[in-house]
Protein backbone atom coordinates (compact mmCIF):
# COMPACT_ATOMS: atom_id res chain seq x y z
CA UNK A 1 -3.68 26.70 -0.66
CA UNK A 2 -5.20 26.48 3.02
CA UNK A 3 -4.97 23.61 4.98
CA UNK A 4 -8.47 23.57 7.54
CA UNK A 5 -7.70 20.61 10.24
CA UNK A 6 -9.79 20.22 13.07
CA UNK A 7 -6.62 19.09 15.65
CA UNK A 8 -8.95 18.82 18.87
CA UNK A 9 -9.63 15.20 17.06
CA UNK A 10 -5.81 14.07 17.56
CA UNK A 11 -4.18 15.78 20.83
CA UNK A 12 -5.19 15.20 24.25
CA UNK A 13 -7.55 17.39 26.19
CA UNK A 14 -4.58 19.36 27.94
CA UNK A 15 -3.50 20.52 24.40
CA UNK A 16 -6.85 21.40 22.40
CA UNK A 17 -6.52 25.17 23.04
CA UNK A 18 -3.28 25.41 22.71
CA UNK A 19 -1.33 27.43 19.27
CA UNK A 20 0.08 26.23 16.63
CA UNK A 21 2.92 26.70 17.38
CA UNK A 22 2.54 25.05 20.77
CA UNK A 23 1.52 21.93 19.33
CA UNK A 24 4.53 21.71 17.10
CA UNK A 25 7.27 22.19 19.83
CA UNK A 26 4.66 20.32 22.32
CA UNK A 27 6.07 16.69 23.27
CA UNK A 28 4.60 13.50 20.80
CA UNK A 29 2.59 12.85 23.99
CA UNK A 30 0.24 15.18 23.31
CA UNK A 31 -0.73 12.99 21.08
CA UNK A 32 -4.32 11.42 21.21
CA UNK A 33 -3.33 7.43 22.25
CA UNK A 34 1.01 7.83 22.48
CA UNK A 35 1.70 6.77 25.39
CA UNK A 36 5.10 7.58 26.80
CA UNK A 37 6.31 4.29 26.58
CA UNK A 38 5.47 4.97 23.35
CA UNK A 39 7.19 8.62 23.06
CA UNK A 40 9.98 7.06 24.30
CA UNK A 41 10.16 4.03 21.20
CA UNK A 42 10.16 6.75 19.09
CA UNK A 43 13.40 8.94 20.90
CA UNK A 44 15.34 5.80 20.76
CA UNK A 45 14.32 4.87 16.77
CA UNK A 46 14.13 7.66 15.29
CA UNK A 47 14.82 10.43 17.62
CA UNK A 48 12.01 11.85 17.33
CA UNK A 49 10.65 14.50 20.62
CA UNK A 50 8.35 16.77 19.54
CA UNK A 51 5.41 17.09 16.89
CA UNK A 52 7.25 19.45 14.96
CA UNK A 53 9.95 15.98 14.88
CA UNK A 54 7.52 13.40 14.05
CA UNK A 55 6.22 15.92 10.38
CA UNK A 56 9.26 15.73 10.01
CA UNK A 57 10.60 12.53 10.32
CA UNK A 58 11.00 11.37 6.35
CA UNK A 59 9.45 8.12 6.64
CA UNK A 60 6.32 9.42 8.59
CA UNK A 61 6.43 11.74 5.90
CA UNK A 62 6.83 9.20 2.92
CA UNK A 63 3.92 7.17 5.20
CA UNK A 64 1.61 10.01 5.78
CA UNK A 65 1.52 10.63 1.47
CA UNK A 66 0.03 7.20 1.00
CA UNK A 67 -3.10 6.29 3.32
CA UNK A 68 -3.86 3.09 2.83
CA UNK A 69 -1.05 1.40 0.84
CA UNK A 70 0.51 -0.47 3.61
CA UNK A 71 -3.34 -2.48 3.64
CA UNK A 72 -2.66 -2.78 -0.14
CA UNK A 73 -5.19 -0.94 -1.00
CA UNK A 74 -5.37 2.13 -4.04
CA UNK A 75 -6.50 5.50 -3.76
CA UNK A 76 -9.51 4.59 -4.73
CA UNK A 77 -10.06 1.88 -2.03
CA UNK A 78 -9.56 -1.23 -3.99
CA UNK A 79 -7.17 -3.79 -3.23
CA UNK A 80 -4.00 -4.35 -5.14
CA UNK A 81 -3.53 -7.72 -4.55
CA UNK A 82 -5.00 -10.09 -7.43
CA UNK A 83 -8.58 -11.33 -7.32
CA UNK A 84 -9.79 -14.93 -7.49
CA UNK A 85 -12.35 -16.73 -9.09
CA UNK A 86 -14.24 -18.17 -6.86
CA UNK A 87 -13.77 -22.60 -7.46
CA UNK A 88 -16.58 -24.17 -8.88
CA UNK A 89 -17.44 -27.92 -8.75
CA UNK A 90 -16.87 -28.82 -12.69
CA UNK A 91 -20.25 -30.25 -13.87
CA UNK A 92 -20.36 -34.11 -13.58
CA UNK A 93 -16.46 -34.53 -12.32
CA UNK A 94 -16.81 -34.47 -9.03
CA UNK A 95 -13.83 -32.03 -8.51
CA UNK A 96 -12.97 -28.34 -8.01
CA UNK A 97 -12.21 -25.82 -11.11
CA UNK A 98 -10.98 -22.49 -10.67
CA UNK A 99 -12.55 -21.47 -14.14
């Protein structure tokens, strides 16, 4: 299955005209928004040095397969938590009811 991806949106300007192989072998700082400090922490924590390493890492791959789950969303975009009904005043009692 062919996949079309616009890499320019996720790469620093200097890497936008590179080949896919060059991008995969690039340091993670080639990705937009990844600083040198971020790259150092990725290397220390997960031994990730290149974009290829990042894509092959089991933790990042698992997270990429389930976008939104960390925020408690289902694939359809609905929330997974129990929704509570709004509280209402019980007629004539002066108390709040969950009914």
